Amino acid sequence: MNYRIILLTVIVALLTACGNQPQSSQSEIETPVSVQELKKSSISKLINTTGTALATYSVDLNAEMSGFYNLQANPSTGKPYKLGEVVKKGQLIIRLEDKEYENGIALESRKLSLEIAEQEQSKQKALYEKGGVTLSEMRNTEVRVTNARYDLENAILNLEKMSVRAPFEGVIVSLPHYTPQSRVSQGSQMVGLMAYSRMYMDINLPESAIEYVQSNQPVYITHYTLLQDTLSGVISELSPAISTETRTFRGKILIDNKQLKLRPGMFVKADIVVDKADSAIVIPKEVVISRRNRKYVYIVERNTAILRDIQTGLEDEDNIEVVQGLNENDNLIIRGYETLRENSRVKVLK
């Protein structure tokens, strides 16, 4: 009988002990999180726009005279010019030939006429100094020299119309095909050139941006085919007028394209840097929790989640500047923060 009483007493004590265990086991569960140690970096406030990148210099050259087509050889390759090749300023690309026209210009005859007029002028000047001719006679020889020189210069200009030369250093972007020595008429398209080591794009910005965007601000230029490359640009012109129809204002961006990565006609994205902080606490936007005009994040101290109220500044597409509330070397929780509360126990994942 005594054994039964003792056994019953032990069982009751064990049940009581289990029922009186603290309910803190649930609160001691550690939430796995990932952290980022904060370091100072730079961040820029950007205003985004898009547009078409265009060549700074572009020209379509047409035949000024009719003649027989003769495409020249590129000195750097020894072969006839073709699309995509670079030509230097003044380089001969196409030569039109027409012997009848060239003979009509009579270039050699005009050179000889100028030479004779200059000799006569020298003779008359010597005679005038000795009193052998009048001033009027001497000045008449000056008129003949001047007229002969103009005739020669005009002949050279007319002859040069048979040559198609590059007016600037650029790239051949169009080159219509003509059979060699076929006759082309005046006004026929010969060659198209573009220089696009520097490019420009026209932009339209919303009225709300007019207080931020200014001339000479830097611009980041990107294109979807150049994901790893960001080109630099600058705001070169801005209109002060707002369109009453679109509520936008116009501007122009100059683009540095020395490596010719952008091609004329590409549709590009432009990020205008309107403000910048070079040494700031910068965190991902997605970790900021906003509730009732309050912004806060969580950091880790001794395996505990600590809530920090923050004030923010500049922001770009992915990140935001924290001007108050966080310090360098704080361990910011960047994953697993969604279910946390103040003083939650956490386990930092490596």
Foldseek 3Di string as FASTA:
>chain_A
DVVVVVVVVVVVVVVVVVVPDDPCPVLQDAFEFAWDFWFWFKDFFWDKFKWFKAFPDKDWDFQQFKAFKDADADPVPRHGDDAFDKDAAFDWGIFGDDVVVLVVLVLVVLVVQLVVLVVVLVVVVVCVVVVNDDPVVSVVSVVSNVVSVVSNVVSVVVNCSRTDGHNHIFGWHDADDDDGRDIDGGGHTGTMTGHVQKIKTKTKAALVCPVQDDFFFKKWKDAPVCVPDTWIKTWHFWDPDADPVPNITMTMIMTRRNVVPDDGGGMIMIITGRDMDGTFGKDWPVQWDDDPNWTWFWFDDPQWTAIWTFDWDHDDDTMTTTPDTDDRRTITGDPRRPPDDHGRGHDHDD
